[in-house]
Amino acid sequence: MIFGLDLNDALQRHAAVGTKETPDAEKDENSTPGARVIASTPWRVQRLETSPDSRRLAFVTTSVSQREEKLDEFEIYSVDLTHASPGTPPAHPQPCT
Protein backbone atom coordinates (compact mmCIF):
# COMPACT_ATOMS: atom_id res chain seq x y z
CA MET A 1 0.00 0.00 0.00
CA ILE A 2 1.02 3.57 -0.62
CA PHE A 3 0.05 6.08 2.04
CA GLY A 4 -0.26 9.86 2.01
CA LEU A 5 0.21 12.20 4.92
CA ASP A 6 -0.58 15.89 5.16
CA LEU A 7 2.64 17.47 6.41
CA ASN A 8 0.98 20.43 8.17
CA ASP A 9 -1.39 18.11 10.06
CA ALA A 10 1.50 15.84 11.04
CA LEU A 11 3.56 18.76 12.33
CA GLN A 12 0.61 20.14 14.30
CA ARG A 13 -0.10 16.70 15.77
CA HIS A 14 3.56 16.31 16.71
CA ALA A 15 3.66 19.76 18.36
CA ALA A 16 0.44 19.06 20.28
CA VAL A 17 1.71 15.75 21.60
CA GLY A 18 5.00 17.23 22.76
CA THR A 19 6.70 14.85 25.16
CA LYS A 20 3.56 12.95 26.21
CA GLU A 21 3.79 9.18 26.17
CA THR A 22 1.91 7.53 23.30
CA PRO A 23 -0.95 5.36 24.61
CA ASP A 24 -0.56 1.62 24.05
CA ALA A 25 -3.75 1.55 21.94
CA GLU A 26 -2.16 3.96 19.44
CA LYS A 27 1.10 2.01 19.41
CA ASP A 28 -0.82 -1.15 18.52
CA GLU A 29 -2.61 0.48 15.56
CA ASN A 30 0.41 -0.24 13.37
CA SER A 31 -0.12 2.89 11.29
CA THR A 32 0.86 6.53 11.36
CA PRO A 33 -1.91 8.78 12.73
CA GLY A 34 -3.46 10.83 9.93
CA ALA A 35 -2.10 8.60 7.15
CA ARG A 36 -4.49 7.65 4.37
CA VAL A 37 -4.20 4.99 1.69
CA ILE A 38 -3.59 6.51 -1.75
CA ALA A 39 -3.11 3.31 -3.76
CA SER A 40 -2.38 -0.35 -3.36
CA THR A 41 -0.46 -2.90 -5.37
CA PRO A 42 0.44 -6.55 -4.75
CA TRP A 43 4.00 -5.85 -5.93
CA ARG A 44 7.00 -4.27 -4.21
CA VAL A 45 7.19 -0.52 -4.87
CA GLN A 46 10.73 0.29 -5.91
CA ARG A 47 10.53 4.03 -6.61
CA LEU A 48 8.01 6.89 -6.31
CA GLU A 49 7.92 10.16 -8.27
CA THR A 50 5.36 12.97 -8.31
CA SER A 51 4.57 15.03 -11.37
CA PRO A 52 5.85 18.63 -11.41
CA ASP A 53 2.31 19.90 -10.70
CA SER A 54 1.84 17.31 -7.88
CA ARG A 55 -1.34 15.96 -9.48
CA ARG A 56 -0.04 12.49 -10.32
CA LEU A 57 2.11 9.91 -8.60
CA ALA A 58 4.11 7.42 -10.63
CA PHE A 59 5.75 4.35 -9.18
CA VAL A 60 7.79 1.42 -10.40
CA THR A 61 7.06 -2.07 -9.14
CA THR A 62 9.24 -5.15 -8.89
CA SER A 63 8.77 -8.70 -7.66
CA VAL A 64 7.98 -9.10 -3.97
CA SER A 65 10.62 -11.83 -3.79
CA GLN A 66 13.03 -9.60 -5.76
CA ARG A 67 13.51 -12.41 -8.28
CA GLU A 68 12.66 -12.09 -11.95
CA GLU A 69 9.85 -14.63 -12.13
CA LYS A 70 7.01 -12.90 -14.00
CA LEU A 71 7.07 -9.98 -16.37
CA ASP A 72 3.78 -8.65 -14.89
CA GLU A 73 5.57 -7.75 -11.65
CA PHE A 74 7.73 -5.13 -13.37
CA GLU A 75 5.62 -2.15 -14.36
CA ILE A 76 5.31 1.62 -14.14
CA TYR A 77 2.01 2.80 -12.67
CA SER A 78 0.35 6.18 -12.38
CA VAL A 79 -2.21 7.41 -9.82
CA ASP A 80 -4.32 10.57 -10.03
CA LEU A 81 -3.72 12.39 -6.72
CA THR A 82 -6.44 15.00 -7.28
CA HIS A 83 -9.02 12.43 -6.14
CA ALA A 84 -6.94 11.05 -3.26
CA SER A 85 -8.79 12.63 -0.36
CA PRO A 86 -9.71 11.28 3.06
CA GLY A 87 -12.77 9.06 2.91
CA THR A 88 -12.29 7.98 -0.69
CA PRO A 89 -11.22 4.41 -1.43
CA PRO A 90 -7.64 3.84 -2.61
CA ALA A 91 -7.03 4.46 -6.28
CA HIS A 92 -6.45 1.63 -8.69
CA PRO A 93 -3.10 2.42 -10.30
CA GLN A 94 -3.11 2.48 -14.06
CA PRO A 95 -0.16 0.98 -15.96
CA CYS A 96 1.68 3.54 -18.04
CA THR A 97 1.72 2.64 -21.71
C-alpha atoms as a PDB file:
ATOM      1  CA  MET A   1       0.000   0.000   0.000  1.00  0.00           C
ATOM      2  CA  ILE A   2       1.022   3.574  -0.621  1.00  0.00           C
ATOM      3  CA  PHE A   3       0.046   6.077   2.038  1.00  0.00           C
ATOM      4  CA  GLY A   4      -0.260   9.857   2.007  1.00  0.00           C
ATOM      5  CA  LEU A   5       0.211  12.195   4.922  1.00  0.00           C
ATOM      6  CA  ASP A   6      -0.584  15.893   5.155  1.00  0.00           C
ATOM      7  CA  LEU A   7       2.643  17.473   6.405  1.00  0.00           C
ATOM      8  CA  ASN A   8       0.977  20.425   8.169  1.00  0.00           C
ATOM      9  CA  ASP A   9      -1.389  18.106  10.065  1.00  0.00           C
ATOM     10  CA  ALA A  10       1.498  15.839  11.045  1.00  0.00           C
ATOM     11  CA  LEU A  11       3.564  18.763  12.334  1.00  0.00           C
ATOM     12  CA  GLN A  12       0.605  20.138  14.304  1.00  0.00           C
ATOM     13  CA  ARG A  13      -0.098  16.696  15.773  1.00  0.00           C
ATOM     14  CA  HIS A  14       3.563  16.312  16.714  1.00  0.00           C
ATOM     15  CA  ALA A  15       3.657  19.759  18.360  1.00  0.00           C
ATOM     16  CA  ALA A  16       0.436  19.058  20.275  1.00  0.00           C
ATOM     17  CA  VAL A  17       1.707  15.745  21.602  1.00  0.00           C
ATOM     18  CA  GLY A  18       5.004  17.228  22.761  1.00  0.00           C
ATOM     19  CA  THR A  19       6.701  14.851  25.156  1.00  0.00           C
ATOM     20  CA  LYS A  20       3.558  12.951  26.210  1.00  0.00           C
ATOM     21  CA  GLU A  21       3.794   9.183  26.170  1.00  0.00           C
ATOM     22  CA  THR A  22       1.911   7.531  23.304  1.00  0.00           C
ATOM     23  CA  PRO A  23      -0.947   5.364  24.614  1.00  0.00           C
ATOM     24  CA  ASP A  24      -0.557   1.618  24.054  1.00  0.00           C
ATOM     25  CA  ALA A  25      -3.746   1.547  21.945  1.00  0.00           C
ATOM     26  CA  GLU A  26      -2.163   3.959  19.437  1.00  0.00           C
ATOM     27  CA  LYS A  27       1.098   2.009  19.414  1.00  0.00           C
ATOM     28  CA  ASP A  28      -0.825  -1.151  18.522  1.00  0.00           C
ATOM     29  CA  GLU A  29      -2.612   0.481  15.565  1.00  0.00           C
ATOM     30  CA  ASN A  30       0.406  -0.239  13.365  1.00  0.00           C
ATOM     31  CA  SER A  31      -0.124   2.893  11.290  1.00  0.00           C
ATOM     32  CA  THR A  32       0.862   6.530  11.361  1.00  0.00           C
ATOM     33  CA  PRO A  33      -1.910   8.782  12.725  1.00  0.00           C
ATOM     34  CA  GLY A  34      -3.463  10.829   9.926  1.00  0.00           C
ATOM     35  CA  ALA A  35      -2.097   8.604   7.147  1.00  0.00           C
ATOM     36  CA  ARG A  36      -4.492   7.647   4.366  1.00  0.00           C
ATOM     37  CA  VAL A  37      -4.203   4.993   1.692  1.00  0.00           C
ATOM     38  CA  ILE A  38      -3.593   6.507  -1.746  1.00  0.00           C
ATOM     39  CA  ALA A  39      -3.111   3.313  -3.763  1.00  0.00           C
ATOM     40  CA  SER A  40      -2.381  -0.355  -3.357  1.00  0.00           C
ATOM     41  CA  THR A  41      -0.465  -2.904  -5.366  1.00  0.00           C
ATOM     42  CA  PRO A  42       0.436  -6.547  -4.748  1.00  0.00           C
ATOM     43  CA  TRP A  43       3.997  -5.852  -5.927  1.00  0.00           C
ATOM     44  CA  ARG A  44       6.997  -4.268  -4.207  1.00  0.00           C
ATOM     45  CA  VAL A  45       7.187  -0.524  -4.874  1.00  0.00           C
ATOM     46  CA  GLN A  46      10.729   0.290  -5.907  1.00  0.00           C
ATOM     47  CA  ARG A  47      10.526   4.025  -6.615  1.00  0.00           C
ATOM     48  CA  LEU A  48       8.007   6.895  -6.308  1.00  0.00           C
ATOM     49  CA  GLU A  49       7.918  10.162  -8.270  1.00  0.00           C
ATOM     50  CA  THR A  50       5.358  12.973  -8.311  1.00  0.00           C
ATOM     51  CA  SER A  51       4.568  15.029 -11.373  1.00  0.00           C
ATOM     52  CA  PRO A  52       5.847  18.633 -11.414  1.00  0.00           C
ATOM     53  CA  ASP A  53       2.309  19.903 -10.695  1.00  0.00           C
ATOM     54  CA  SER A  54       1.836  17.308  -7.875  1.00  0.00           C
ATOM     55  CA  ARG A  55      -1.345  15.963  -9.480  1.00  0.00           C
ATOM     56  CA  ARG A  56      -0.036  12.488 -10.319  1.00  0.00           C
ATOM     57  CA  LEU A  57       2.112   9.907  -8.603  1.00  0.00           C
ATOM     58  CA  ALA A  58       4.112   7.419 -10.630  1.00  0.00           C
ATOM     59  CA  PHE A  59       5.751   4.350  -9.179  1.00  0.00           C
ATOM     60  CA  VAL A  60       7.795   1.423 -10.398  1.00  0.00           C
ATOM     61  CA  THR A  61       7.060  -2.075  -9.139  1.00  0.00           C
ATOM     62  CA  THR A  62       9.236  -5.147  -8.889  1.00  0.00           C
ATOM     63  CA  SER A  63       8.768  -8.700  -7.659  1.00  0.00           C
ATOM     64  CA  VAL A  64       7.975  -9.100  -3.971  1.00  0.00           C
ATOM     65  CA  SER A  65      10.619 -11.825  -3.790  1.00  0.00           C
ATOM     66  CA  GLN A  66      13.031  -9.601  -5.764  1.00  0.00           C
ATOM     67  CA  ARG A  67      13.514 -12.409  -8.283  1.00  0.00           C
ATOM     68  CA  GLU A  68      12.662 -12.093 -11.947  1.00  0.00           C
ATOM     69  CA  GLU A  69       9.846 -14.633 -12.134  1.00  0.00           C
ATOM     70  CA  LYS A  70       7.011 -12.896 -14.002  1.00  0.00           C
ATOM     71  CA  LEU A  71       7.072  -9.977 -16.371  1.00  0.00           C
ATOM     72  CA  ASP A  72       3.781  -8.650 -14.887  1.00  0.00           C
ATOM     73  CA  GLU A  73       5.567  -7.748 -11.650  1.00  0.00           C
ATOM     74  CA  PHE A  74       7.735  -5.134 -13.368  1.00  0.00           C
ATOM     75  CA  GLU A  75       5.620  -2.146 -14.364  1.00  0.00           C
ATOM     76  CA  ILE A  76       5.311   1.624 -14.137  1.00  0.00           C
ATOM     77  CA  TYR A  77       2.006   2.801 -12.666  1.00  0.00           C
ATOM     78  CA  SER A  78       0.352   6.183 -12.384  1.00  0.00           C
ATOM     79  CA  VAL A  79      -2.209   7.406  -9.823  1.00  0.00           C
ATOM     80  CA  ASP A  80      -4.318  10.574 -10.034  1.00  0.00           C
ATOM     81  CA  LEU A  81      -3.724  12.390  -6.722  1.00  0.00           C
ATOM     82  CA  THR A  82      -6.439  15.000  -7.282  1.00  0.00           C
ATOM     83  CA  HIS A  83      -9.017  12.427  -6.138  1.00  0.00           C
ATOM     84  CA  ALA A  84      -6.945  11.047  -3.257  1.00  0.00           C
ATOM     85  CA  SER A  85      -8.792  12.628  -0.362  1.00  0.00           C
ATOM     86  CA  PRO A  86      -9.710  11.282   3.062  1.00  0.00           C
ATOM     87  CA  GLY A  87     -12.774   9.063   2.911  1.00  0.00           C
ATOM     88  CA  THR A  88     -12.292   7.977  -0.692  1.00  0.00           C
ATOM     89  CA  PRO A  89     -11.217   4.408  -1.426  1.00  0.00           C
ATOM     90  CA  PRO A  90      -7.641   3.837  -2.610  1.00  0.00           C
ATOM     91  CA  ALA A  91      -7.029   4.465  -6.280  1.00  0.00           C
ATOM     92  CA  HIS A  92      -6.448   1.630  -8.691  1.00  0.00           C
ATOM     93  CA  PRO A  93      -3.103   2.418 -10.300  1.00  0.00           C
ATOM     94  CA  GLN A  94      -3.111   2.479 -14.065  1.00  0.00           C
ATOM     95  CA  PRO A  95      -0.158   0.982 -15.958  1.00  0.00           C
ATOM     96  CA  CYS A  96       1.676   3.543 -18.036  1.00  0.00           C
ATOM     97  CA  THR A  97       1.717   2.643 -21.714  1.00  0.00           C
END
